[in-house]
Protein backbone atom coordinates (compact mmCIF):
# COMPACT_ATOMS: atom_id res chain seq x y z
CA MET A 1 104.18 89.00 103.97
CA GLY A 2 106.98 87.62 101.82
CA ALA A 3 109.31 89.79 99.76
CA ASP A 4 107.72 88.62 96.50
CA ALA A 5 104.23 89.52 97.76
CA ARG A 6 105.45 92.95 98.91
CA GLU A 7 106.92 93.59 95.47
CA ARG A 8 103.68 92.62 93.70
CA THR A 9 101.61 94.73 96.12
CA ASN A 10 103.92 97.72 95.61
CA GLU A 11 103.42 97.43 91.85
CA MET A 12 99.67 97.82 92.28
CA ASN A 13 98.13 101.26 92.05
CA LEU A 14 96.84 101.74 95.59
CA ALA A 15 94.00 103.94 94.31
CA ARG A 16 92.76 101.08 92.11
CA ASP A 17 89.34 99.86 93.21
CA ARG A 18 87.44 97.85 90.64
CA LEU A 19 86.13 94.45 89.72
CA GLU A 20 89.00 92.04 89.07
CA ILE A 21 89.08 88.52 87.64
CA ILE A 22 91.42 85.97 89.19
CA ARG A 23 92.03 82.29 88.46
CA PHE A 24 93.44 79.69 90.85
CA PRO A 25 95.93 77.07 89.61
CA SER A 26 94.71 74.35 91.98
CA ARG A 27 92.09 73.30 94.48
CA GLU A 28 94.66 73.81 97.25
CA ALA A 29 95.20 77.44 96.22
CA ARG A 30 91.44 78.01 96.19
CA VAL A 31 91.08 76.49 99.67
CA GLN A 32 93.95 78.68 100.91
CA ALA A 33 92.24 81.76 99.44
CA ILE A 34 88.95 80.90 101.13
CA GLY A 35 90.75 80.56 104.48
CA VAL A 36 92.49 83.94 104.07
CA LEU A 37 89.28 85.69 103.05
CA VAL A 38 87.18 84.14 105.83
CA ALA A 39 89.82 85.22 108.37
CA CYS A 40 89.71 88.84 107.19
CA GLY A 41 85.93 88.95 106.64
CA LYS A 42 86.04 89.34 102.85
CA PHE A 43 84.77 85.95 101.68
CA ASN A 44 81.76 85.91 99.36
CA GLY A 45 81.21 82.40 98.06
CA SER A 46 79.27 83.05 94.87
CA ALA A 47 81.29 81.91 91.87
CA THR A 48 79.91 80.10 88.83
CA ASP A 49 83.33 78.60 88.09
CA PRO A 50 85.12 77.52 91.27
CA ASP A 51 88.55 78.35 89.82
CA VAL A 52 87.71 81.78 88.33
CA TRP A 53 86.43 84.48 90.67
CA ASN A 54 85.19 88.03 90.16
CA VAL A 55 86.43 90.03 93.15
CA ARG A 56 87.13 93.61 94.21
CA THR A 57 90.71 94.91 94.20
CA ASP A 58 90.87 94.78 98.02
CA VAL A 59 90.44 90.99 97.82
CA VAL A 60 93.38 90.80 95.37
CA ARG A 61 95.46 92.83 97.84
CA ALA A 62 94.54 90.48 100.71
CA LEU A 63 95.49 87.40 98.67
CA LEU A 64 98.78 88.95 97.52
CA ALA A 65 99.65 89.84 101.11
CA GLU A 66 99.24 86.20 102.16
CA ASP A 67 101.14 84.76 99.15
CA VAL A 68 98.10 82.88 97.83
CA PRO A 69 98.90 81.57 94.33
CA PHE A 70 96.56 82.88 91.63
CA GLU A 71 96.63 84.39 88.16
CA TRP A 72 95.38 87.98 88.09
CA LEU A 73 93.66 88.12 84.70
CA THR A 74 92.74 91.83 84.76
CA ARG A 75 96.08 93.04 86.14
CA ASN A 76 97.18 94.95 83.04
CA LEU A 77 93.87 96.54 82.11
CA PRO A 78 93.84 100.33 82.35
């Protein structure tokens, strides 16, 4: 895990467990995310928009840990 990913993960409330919305900037980022999630057993391929996914917080943590580029749209919601 890179220093930037550690910093972003440390910012996250570790008790947070909810539905999150994330958006990928490119097809390559989406393919990278699929690979990471398949490897850790968290992939669920049911998205209506291939670039915008509804995922649980643990998926966000897994993607942050592997430095997958994405925009975390629900990051600042209480």
